């Protein structure tokens, strides 16, 4: 399983709280991010910024070895690219 994620959810306005809420779930854990800025664009941006900061901090491993990072990259690459492109790429190494 890859450790690389992308946030695809969108914040929504919750009238009862007078705030924007963005709820995401990663590895079975649900996390919510809030913004009380009533402006739609600014509220969305603030929620997404908070979520991205959490994502980046969560996936940051400063002690990772190159081999492990390469393995994670290849796992992610295999999920996104056709098999023949990957085999051509690896055969050049």
PDB file of N, CA and C in Angstrom:
ATOM      1  N   UNK A   1       0.844  -1.183   0.000  1.00  0.00           N
ATOM      2  CA  UNK A   1       0.000   0.000   0.000  1.00  0.00           C
ATOM      3  C   UNK A   1       0.887   1.244   0.000  1.00  0.00           C
ATOM      4  N   UNK A   2       0.488   2.218  -0.735  1.00  0.00           N
ATOM      5  CA  UNK A   2       1.260   3.440  -0.875  1.00  0.00           C
ATOM      6  C   UNK A   2       1.002   4.390   0.294  1.00  0.00           C
ATOM      7  N   UNK A   3       1.997   5.191   0.634  1.00  0.00           N
ATOM      8  CA  UNK A   3       1.839   6.207   1.673  1.00  0.00           C
ATOM      9  C   UNK A   3       1.569   7.581   1.084  1.00  0.00           C
ATOM     10  N   UNK A   4       1.349   7.646  -0.224  1.00  0.00           N
ATOM     11  CA  UNK A   4       1.106   8.911  -0.891  1.00  0.00           C
ATOM     12  C   UNK A   4      -0.386   9.088  -1.080  1.00  0.00           C
ATOM     13  N   UNK A   5      -0.910  10.193  -0.612  1.00  0.00           N
ATOM     14  CA  UNK A   5      -2.343  10.458  -0.658  1.00  0.00           C
ATOM     15  C   UNK A   5      -2.612  11.792  -1.323  1.00  0.00           C
ATOM     16  N   UNK A   6      -3.838  11.942  -1.753  1.00  0.00           N
ATOM     17  CA  UNK A   6      -4.280  13.203  -2.336  1.00  0.00           C
ATOM     18  C   UNK A   6      -5.628  13.537  -1.714  1.00  0.00           C
ATOM     19  N   UNK A   7      -5.815  14.780  -1.320  1.00  0.00           N
ATOM     20  CA  UNK A   7      -7.083  15.203  -0.730  1.00  0.00           C
ATOM     21  C   UNK A   7      -8.049  15.522  -1.860  1.00  0.00           C
ATOM     22  N   UNK A   8      -9.134  14.767  -1.930  1.00  0.00           N
ATOM     23  CA  UNK A   8     -10.122  14.991  -2.987  1.00  0.00           C
ATOM     24  C   UNK A   8     -11.445  15.501  -2.434  1.00  0.00           C
ATOM     25  N   UNK A   9     -11.617  15.470  -1.122  1.00  0.00           N
ATOM     26  CA  UNK A   9     -12.865  15.945  -0.506  1.00  0.00           C
ATOM     27  C   UNK A   9     -12.933  17.467  -0.582  1.00  0.00           C
ATOM     28  N   UNK A  10     -14.134  17.993  -0.493  1.00  0.00           N
ATOM     29  CA  UNK A  10     -14.344  19.440  -0.535  1.00  0.00           C
ATOM     30  C   UNK A  10     -15.000  19.894   0.765  1.00  0.00           C
ATOM     31  N   UNK A  11     -14.606  21.054   1.280  1.00  0.00           N
ATOM     32  CA  UNK A  11     -15.248  21.593   2.486  1.00  0.00           C
ATOM     33  C   UNK A  11     -16.718  21.924   2.216  1.00  0.00           C
ATOM     34  N   UNK A  12     -17.533  21.817   3.247  1.00  0.00           N
ATOM     35  CA  UNK A  12     -18.955  22.183   3.119  1.00  0.00           C
ATOM     36  C   UNK A  12     -19.323  23.112   4.266  1.00  0.00           C
ATOM     37  N   UNK A  13     -20.313  23.972   4.017  1.00  0.00           N
ATOM     38  CA  UNK A  13     -20.781  24.943   5.001  1.00  0.00           C
ATOM     39  C   UNK A  13     -21.764  24.264   5.931  1.00  0.00           C
ATOM     40  N   UNK A  14     -21.554  24.401   7.241  1.00  0.00           N
ATOM     41  CA  UNK A  14     -22.468  23.860   8.247  1.00  0.00           C
ATOM     42  C   UNK A  14     -23.132  25.052   8.921  1.00  0.00           C
ATOM     43  N   UNK A  15     -24.403  25.247   8.599  1.00  0.00           N
ATOM     44  CA  UNK A  15     -25.138  26.421   9.072  1.00  0.00           C
ATOM     45  C   UNK A  15     -25.207  26.473  10.597  1.00  0.00           C
ATOM     46  N   UNK A  16     -25.437  25.326  11.233  1.00  0.00           N
ATOM     47  CA  UNK A  16     -25.586  25.309  12.693  1.00  0.00           C
ATOM     48  C   UNK A  16     -24.299  25.716  13.420  1.00  0.00           C
ATOM     49  N   UNK A  17     -23.155  25.518  12.786  1.00  0.00           N
ATOM     50  CA  UNK A  17     -21.864  25.884  13.395  1.00  0.00           C
ATOM     51  C   UNK A  17     -21.309  27.184  12.836  1.00  0.00           C
ATOM     52  N   UNK A  18     -21.949  27.702  11.796  1.00  0.00           N
ATOM     53  CA  UNK A  18     -21.449  28.888  11.095  1.00  0.00           C
ATOM     54  C   UNK A  18     -19.979  28.727  10.718  1.00  0.00           C
ATOM     55  N   UNK A  19     -19.668  27.584  10.128  1.00  0.00           N
ATOM     56  CA  UNK A  19     -18.284  27.335   9.729  1.00  0.00           C
ATOM     57  C   UNK A  19     -18.228  26.324   8.588  1.00  0.00           C
ATOM     58  N   UNK A  20     -17.081  26.303   7.935  1.00  0.00           N
ATOM     59  CA  UNK A  20     -16.793  25.317   6.910  1.00  0.00           C
ATOM     60  C   UNK A  20     -16.178  24.105   7.592  1.00  0.00           C
ATOM     61  N   UNK A  21     -16.477  22.919   7.085  1.00  0.00           N
ATOM     62  CA  UNK A  21     -15.902  21.697   7.630  1.00  0.00           C
ATOM     63  C   UNK A  21     -15.414  20.820   6.483  1.00  0.00           C
ATOM     64  N   UNK A  22     -14.244  20.262   6.667  1.00  0.00           N
ATOM     65  CA  UNK A  22     -13.668  19.317   5.720  1.00  0.00           C
ATOM     66  C   UNK A  22     -13.383  18.050   6.503  1.00  0.00           C
ATOM     67  N   UNK A  23     -14.013  16.951   6.115  1.00  0.00           N
ATOM     68  CA  UNK A  23     -13.807  15.680   6.802  1.00  0.00           C
ATOM     69  C   UNK A  23     -13.107  14.721   5.851  1.00  0.00           C
ATOM     70  N   UNK A  24     -11.994  14.159   6.325  1.00  0.00           N
ATOM     71  CA  UNK A  24     -11.267  13.181   5.529  1.00  0.00           C
ATOM     72  C   UNK A  24     -10.982  11.960   6.387  1.00  0.00           C
ATOM     73  N   UNK A  25     -10.734  10.852   5.715  1.00  0.00           N
ATOM     74  CA  UNK A  25     -10.420   9.617   6.416  1.00  0.00           C
ATOM     75  C   UNK A  25      -9.187   9.007   5.762  1.00  0.00           C
ATOM     76  N   UNK A  26      -8.188   8.698   6.583  1.00  0.00           N
ATOM     77  CA  UNK A  26      -6.956   8.095   6.105  1.00  0.00           C
ATOM     78  C   UNK A  26      -6.615   6.936   7.023  1.00  0.00           C
ATOM     79  N   UNK A  27      -6.380   5.784   6.434  1.00  0.00           N
ATOM     80  CA  UNK A  27      -6.026   4.584   7.201  1.00  0.00           C
ATOM     81  C   UNK A  27      -7.020   4.313   8.325  1.00  0.00           C
ATOM     82  N   UNK A  28      -8.309   4.522   8.058  1.00  0.00           N
ATOM     83  CA  UNK A  28      -9.355   4.243   9.026  1.00  0.00           C
ATOM     84  C   UNK A  28      -9.552   5.313  10.082  1.00  0.00           C
ATOM     85  N   UNK A  29      -8.798   6.375  10.028  1.00  0.00           N
ATOM     86  CA  UNK A  29      -8.925   7.458  11.009  1.00  0.00           C
ATOM     87  C   UNK A  29      -9.588   8.659  10.350  1.00  0.00           C
ATOM     88  N   UNK A  30     -10.660   9.160  10.956  1.00  0.00           N
ATOM     89  CA  UNK A  30     -11.372  10.317  10.433  1.00  0.00           C
ATOM     90  C   UNK A  30     -10.861  11.574  11.124  1.00  0.00           C
ATOM     91  N   UNK A  31     -10.635  12.599  10.334  1.00  0.00           N
ATOM     92  CA  UNK A  31     -10.131  13.876  10.849  1.00  0.00           C
ATOM     93  C   UNK A  31     -10.964  14.988  10.233  1.00  0.00           C
ATOM     94  N   UNK A  32     -11.291  15.997  11.037  1.00  0.00           N
ATOM     95  CA  UNK A  32     -12.088  17.134  10.573  1.00  0.00           C
ATOM     96  C   UNK A  32     -11.280  18.418  10.706  1.00  0.00           C
ATOM     97  N   UNK A  33     -11.450  19.296   9.731  1.00  0.00           N
ATOM     98  CA  UNK A  33     -10.786  20.595   9.720  1.00  0.00           C
ATOM     99  C   UNK A  33     -11.856  21.661   9.555  1.00  0.00           C
ATOM    100  N   UNK A  34     -11.734  22.752  10.302  1.00  0.00           N
ATOM    101  CA  UNK A  34     -12.774  23.778  10.351  1.00  0.00           C
ATOM    102  C   UNK A  34     -12.226  25.141   9.963  1.00  0.00           C
ATOM    103  N   UNK A  35     -13.130  25.979   9.459  1.00  0.00           N
ATOM    104  CA  UNK A  35     -12.825  27.379   9.199  1.00  0.00           C
ATOM    105  C   UNK A  35     -14.078  28.190   9.470  1.00  0.00           C
ATOM    106  N   UNK A  36     -13.944  29.246  10.255  1.00  0.00           N
ATOM    107  CA  UNK A  36     -15.100  30.093  10.564  1.00  0.00           C
ATOM    108  C   UNK A  36     -15.196  31.293   9.626  1.00  0.00           C
ATOM    109  N   UNK A  37     -14.336  31.355   8.632  1.00  0.00           N
ATOM    110  CA  UNK A  37     -14.393  32.448   7.652  1.00  0.00           C
ATOM    111  C   UNK A  37     -15.634  32.242   6.781  1.00  0.00           C
ATOM    112  N   UNK A  38     -16.573  33.184   6.783  1.00  0.00           N
ATOM    113  CA  UNK A  38     -17.822  32.979   6.048  1.00  0.00           C
ATOM    114  C   UNK A  38     -17.666  33.033   4.528  1.00  0.00           C
ATOM    115  N   UNK A  39     -16.651  33.725   4.033  1.00  0.00           N
ATOM    116  CA  UNK A  39     -16.420  33.810   2.595  1.00  0.00           C
ATOM    117  C   UNK A  39     -16.103  32.421   2.048  1.00  0.00           C
ATOM    118  N   UNK A  40     -16.810  32.010   0.993  1.00  0.00           N
ATOM    119  CA  UNK A  40     -16.659  30.649   0.489  1.00  0.00           C
ATOM    120  C   UNK A  40     -15.229  30.336   0.058  1.00  0.00           C
ATOM    121  N   UNK A  41     -14.660  31.181  -0.750  1.00  0.00           N
ATOM    122  CA  UNK A  41     -13.310  30.912  -1.262  1.00  0.00           C
ATOM    123  C   UNK A  41     -12.285  30.867  -0.130  1.00  0.00           C
ATOM    124  N   UNK A  42     -12.314  31.860   0.751  1.00  0.00           N
ATOM    125  CA  UNK A  42     -11.335  31.909   1.841  1.00  0.00           C
ATOM    126  C   UNK A  42     -11.548  30.770   2.831  1.00  0.00           C
ATOM    127  N   UNK A  43     -12.807  30.423   3.099  1.00  0.00           N
ATOM    128  CA  UNK A  43     -13.103  29.314   4.001  1.00  0.00           C
ATOM    129  C   UNK A  43     -12.609  27.987   3.451  1.00  0.00           C
ATOM    130  N   UNK A  44     -12.849  27.758   2.148  1.00  0.00           N
ATOM    131  CA  UNK A  44     -12.355  26.536   1.501  1.00  0.00           C
ATOM    132  C   UNK A  44     -10.838  26.462   1.583  1.00  0.00           C
ATOM    133  N   UNK A  45     -10.194  27.565   1.250  1.00  0.00           N
ATOM    134  CA  UNK A  45      -8.730  27.599   1.231  1.00  0.00           C
ATOM    135  C   UNK A  45      -8.161  27.303   2.615  1.00  0.00           C
ATOM    136  N   UNK A  46      -8.750  27.896   3.651  1.00  0.00           N
ATOM    137  CA  UNK A  46      -8.246  27.666   5.005  1.00  0.00           C
ATOM    138  C   UNK A  46      -8.402  26.198   5.414  1.00  0.00           C
ATOM    139  N   UNK A  47      -9.551  25.597   5.129  1.00  0.00           N
ATOM    140  CA  UNK A  47      -9.757  24.176   5.455  1.00  0.00           C
ATOM    141  C   UNK A  47      -8.752  23.293   4.719  1.00  0.00           C
ATOM    142  N   UNK A  48      -8.585  23.538   3.430  1.00  0.00           N
ATOM    143  CA  UNK A  48      -7.663  22.728   2.634  1.00  0.00           C
ATOM    144  C   UNK A  48      -6.218  22.915   3.114  1.00  0.00           C
ATOM    145  N   UNK A  49      -5.864  24.132   3.498  1.00  0.00           N
ATOM    146  CA  UNK A  49      -4.514  24.406   3.992  1.00  0.00           C
ATOM    147  C   UNK A  49      -4.245  23.633   5.285  1.00  0.00           C
ATOM    148  N   UNK A  50      -5.211  23.645   6.195  1.00  0.00           N
ATOM    149  CA  UNK A  50      -5.057  22.910   7.456  1.00  0.00           C
ATOM    150  C   UNK A  50      -4.915  21.413   7.194  1.00  0.00           C
ATOM    151  N   UNK A  51      -5.729  20.893   6.282  1.00  0.00           N
ATOM    152  CA  UNK A  51      -5.675  19.466   5.966  1.00  0.00           C
ATOM    153  C   UNK A  51      -4.338  19.108   5.320  1.00  0.00           C
ATOM    154  N   UNK A  52      -3.859  19.936   4.413  1.00  0.00           N
ATOM    155  CA  UNK A  52      -2.592  19.668   3.741  1.00  0.00           C
ATOM    156  C   UNK A  52      -1.433  19.694   4.732  1.00  0.00           C
ATOM    157  N   UNK A  53      -1.440  20.642   5.652  1.00  0.00           N
ATOM    158  CA  UNK A  53      -0.382  20.702   6.666  1.00  0.00           C
ATOM    159  C   UNK A  53      -0.378  19.426   7.503  1.00  0.00           C
ATOM    160  N   UNK A  54      -1.567  18.969   7.892  1.00  0.00           N
ATOM    161  CA  UNK A  54      -1.668  17.736   8.669  1.00  0.00           C
ATOM    162  C   UNK A  54      -1.161  16.558   7.849  1.00  0.00           C
ATOM    163  N   UNK A  55      -1.564  16.502   6.584  1.00  0.00           N
ATOM    164  CA  UNK A  55      -1.116  15.433   5.688  1.00  0.00           C
ATOM    165  C   UNK A  55       0.397  15.416   5.575  1.00  0.00           C
ATOM    166  N   UNK A  56       0.980  16.578   5.311  1.00  0.00           N
ATOM    167  CA  UNK A  56       2.425  16.664   5.117  1.00  0.00           C
ATOM    168  C   UNK A  56       3.180  16.269   6.380  1.00  0.00           C
ATOM    169  N   UNK A  57       2.728  16.728   7.536  1.00  0.00           N
ATOM    170  CA  UNK A  57       3.378  16.372   8.799  1.00  0.00           C
ATOM    171  C   UNK A  57       3.238  14.886   9.085  1.00  0.00           C
ATOM    172  N   UNK A  58       2.086  14.342   8.758  1.00  0.00           N
ATOM    173  CA  UNK A  58       1.777  12.953   9.033  1.00  0.00           C
ATOM    174  C   UNK A  58       2.628  12.001   8.195  1.00  0.00           C
ATOM    175  N   UNK A  59       2.892  12.353   6.953  1.00  0.00           N
ATOM    176  CA  UNK A  59       3.621  11.470   6.045  1.00  0.00           C
ATOM    177  C   UNK A  59       5.115  11.755   5.990  1.00  0.00           C
ATOM    178  N   UNK A  60       5.580  12.732   6.751  1.00  0.00           N
ATOM    179  CA  UNK A  60       6.982  13.109   6.717  1.00  0.00           C
ATOM    180  C   UNK A  60       7.795  12.159   7.588  1.00  0.00           C
ATOM    181  N   UNK A  61       8.734  11.481   6.986  1.00  0.00           N
ATOM    182  CA  UNK A  61       9.636  10.600   7.713  1.00  0.00           C
ATOM    183  C   UNK A  61      11.055  11.019   7.360  1.00  0.00           C
ATOM    184  N   UNK A  62      11.675  11.770   8.241  1.00  0.00           N
ATOM    185  CA  UNK A  62      12.997  12.309   7.944  1.00  0.00           C
ATOM    186  C   UNK A  62      14.092  11.257   8.044  1.00  0.00           C
ATOM    187  N   UNK A  63      13.806  10.107   8.634  1.00  0.00           N
ATOM    188  CA  UNK A  63      14.813   9.063   8.792  1.00  0.00           C
ATOM    189  C   UNK A  63      14.681   7.962   7.752  1.00  0.00           C
ATOM    190  N   UNK A  64      13.900   8.190   6.712  1.00  0.00           N
ATOM    191  CA  UNK A  64      13.653   7.150   5.723  1.00  0.00           C
ATOM    192  C   UNK A  64      14.917   6.896   4.888  1.00  0.00           C
ATOM    193  N   UNK A  65      15.199   5.635   4.641  1.00  0.00           N
ATOM    194  CA  UNK A  65      16.328   5.251   3.806  1.00  0.00           C
ATOM    195  C   UNK A  65      15.943   5.401   2.338  1.00  0.00           C
ATOM    196  N   UNK A  66      16.933   5.610   1.488  1.00  0.00           N
ATOM    197  CA  UNK A  66      16.665   5.777   0.063  1.00  0.00           C
ATOM    198  C   UNK A  66      15.938   4.566  -0.503  1.00  0.00           C
ATOM    199  N   UNK A  67      16.368   3.366  -0.130  1.00  0.00           N
ATOM    200  CA  UNK A  67      15.759   2.156  -0.671  1.00  0.00           C
ATOM    201  C   UNK A  67      14.271   2.090  -0.336  1.00  0.00           C
ATOM    202  N   UNK A  68      13.917   2.475   0.878  1.00  0.00           N
ATOM    203  CA  UNK A  68      12.510   2.468   1.293  1.00  0.00           C
ATOM    204  C   UNK A  68      11.724   3.530   0.524  1.00  0.00           C
ATOM    205  N   UNK A  69      12.325   4.715   0.357  1.00  0.00           N
ATOM    206  CA  UNK A  69      11.659   5.776  -0.408  1.00  0.00           C
ATOM    207  C   UNK A  69      11.457   5.336  -1.854  1.00  0.00           C
ATOM    208  N   UNK A  70      12.466   4.669  -2.426  1.00  0.00           N
ATOM    209  CA  UNK A  70      12.351   4.185  -3.806  1.00  0.00           C
ATOM    210  C   UNK A  70      11.241   3.142  -3.913  1.00  0.00           C
ATOM    211  N   UNK A  71      11.176   2.255  -2.940  1.00  0.00           N
ATOM    212  CA  UNK A  71      10.129   1.228  -2.926  1.00  0.00           C
ATOM    213  C   UNK A  71       8.737   1.865  -2.849  1.00  0.00           C
ATOM    214  N   UNK A  72       8.569   2.869  -2.004  1.00  0.00           N
ATOM    215  CA  UNK A  72       7.287   3.571  -1.901  1.00  0.00           C
ATOM    216  C   UNK A  72       6.938   4.276  -3.209  1.00  0.00           C
ATOM    217  N   UNK A  73       7.946   4.882  -3.833  1.00  0.00           N
ATOM    218  CA  UNK A  73       7.723   5.538  -5.115  1.00  0.00           C
ATOM    219  C   UNK A  73       7.264   4.525  -6.158  1.00  0.00           C
ATOM    220  N   UNK A  74       7.942   3.379  -6.231  1.00  0.00           N
ATOM    221  CA  UNK A  74       7.573   2.369  -7.224  1.00  0.00           C
ATOM    222  C   UNK A  74       6.183   1.809  -6.963  1.00  0.00           C
ATOM    223  N   UNK A  75       5.825   1.620  -5.703  1.00  0.00           N
ATOM    224  CA  UNK A  75       4.468   1.161  -5.381  1.00  0.00           C
ATOM    225  C   UNK A  75       3.435   2.148  -5.899  1.00  0.00           C
ATOM    226  N   UNK A  76       3.676   3.422  -5.659  1.00  0.00           N
ATOM    227  CA  UNK A  76       2.756   4.459  -6.123  1.00  0.00           C
ATOM    228  C   UNK A  76       2.739   4.518  -7.646  1.00  0.00           C
ATOM    229  N   UNK A  77       3.902   4.397  -8.257  1.00  0.00           N
ATOM    230  CA  UNK A  77       4.019   4.442  -9.715  1.00  0.00           C
ATOM    231  C   UNK A  77       3.272   3.275 -10.353  1.00  0.00           C
ATOM    232  N   UNK A  78       3.399   2.094  -9.759  1.00  0.00           N
ATOM    233  CA  UNK A  78       2.708   0.907 -10.293  1.00  0.00           C
ATOM    234  C   UNK A  78       1.195   1.074 -10.294  1.00  0.00           C
ATOM    235  N   UNK A  79       0.686   1.786  -9.305  1.00  0.00           N
ATOM    236  CA  UNK A  79      -0.757   2.006  -9.237  1.00  0.00           C
ATOM    237  C   UNK A  79      -1.245   2.953 -10.327  1.00  0.00           C
ATOM    238  N   UNK A  80      -0.368   3.824 -10.803  1.00  0.00           N
ATOM    239  CA  UNK A  80      -0.786   4.870 -11.735  1.00  0.00           C
ATOM    240  C   UNK A  80      -0.390   4.622 -13.184  1.00  0.00           C
ATOM    241  N   UNK A  81       0.611   3.790 -13.433  1.00  0.00           N
ATOM    242  CA  UNK A  81       1.122   3.607 -14.793  1.00  0.00           C
ATOM    243  C   UNK A  81       0.887   2.177 -15.271  1.00  0.00           C
ATOM    244  N   UNK A  82       0.715   2.008 -16.581  1.00  0.00           N
ATOM    245  CA  UNK A  82       0.581   0.651 -17.132  1.00  0.00           C
ATOM    246  C   UNK A  82       1.845  -0.163 -16.879  1.00  0.00           C
ATOM    247  N   UNK A  83       1.683  -1.457 -16.783  1.00  0.00           N
ATOM    248  CA  UNK A  83       2.783  -2.365 -16.459  1.00  0.00           C
ATOM    249  C   UNK A  83       3.935  -2.256 -17.462  1.00  0.00           C
ATOM    250  N   UNK A  84       3.646  -2.167 -18.745  1.00  0.00           N
ATOM    251  CA  UNK A  84       4.724  -2.156 -19.736  1.00  0.00           C
ATOM    252  C   UNK A  84       5.618  -0.920 -19.614  1.00  0.00           C
ATOM    253  N   UNK A  85       5.077   0.219 -19.234  1.00  0.00           N
ATOM    254  CA  UNK A  85       5.902   1.418 -19.057  1.00  0.00           C
ATOM    255  C   UNK A  85       6.852   1.224 -17.876  1.00  0.00           C
ATOM    256  N   UNK A  86       6.351   0.652 -16.785  1.00  0.00           N
ATOM    257  CA  UNK A  86       7.188   0.430 -15.604  1.00  0.00           C
ATOM    258  C   UNK A  86       8.305  -0.555 -15.917  1.00  0.00           C
ATOM    259  N   UNK A  87       8.008  -1.648 -16.612  1.00  0.00           N
ATOM    260  CA  UNK A  87       9.040  -2.635 -16.910  1.00  0.00           C
ATOM    261  C   UNK A  87      10.113  -2.047 -17.825  1.00  0.00           C
ATOM    262  N   UNK A  88       9.718  -1.191 -18.772  1.00  0.00           N
ATOM    263  CA  UNK A  88      10.706  -0.517 -19.627  1.00  0.00           C
ATOM    264  C   UNK A  88      11.597   0.392 -18.790  1.00  0.00           C
ATOM    265  N   UNK A  89      10.995   1.104 -17.860  1.00  0.00           N
ATOM    266  CA  UNK A  89      11.743   2.028 -17.013  1.00  0.00           C
ATOM    267  C   UNK A  89      12.737   1.270 -16.136  1.00  0.00           C
ATOM    268  N   UNK A  90      12.283   0.175 -15.519  1.00  0.00           N
ATOM    269  CA  UNK A  90      13.146  -0.576 -14.613  1.00  0.00           C
ATOM    270  C   UNK A  90      14.247  -1.314 -15.363  1.00  0.00           C
ATOM    271  N   UNK A  91      14.005  -1.694 -16.612  1.00  0.00           N
ATOM    272  CA  UNK A  91      15.017  -2.427 -17.367  1.00  0.00           C
ATOM    273  C   UNK A  91      16.217  -1.546 -17.715  1.00  0.00           C
ATOM    274  N   UNK A  92      16.040  -0.235 -17.669  1.00  0.00           N
ATOM    275  CA  UNK A  92      17.159   0.663 -17.962  1.00  0.00           C
ATOM    276  C   UNK A  92      18.114   0.774 -16.782  1.00  0.00           C
ATOM    277  N   UNK A  93      17.738   0.331 -15.622  1.00  0.00           N
ATOM    278  CA  UNK A  93      18.587   0.402 -14.438  1.00  0.00           C
ATOM    279  C   UNK A  93      19.412  -0.825 -14.393  1.00  0.00           C
TER     280      UNK A  93
END
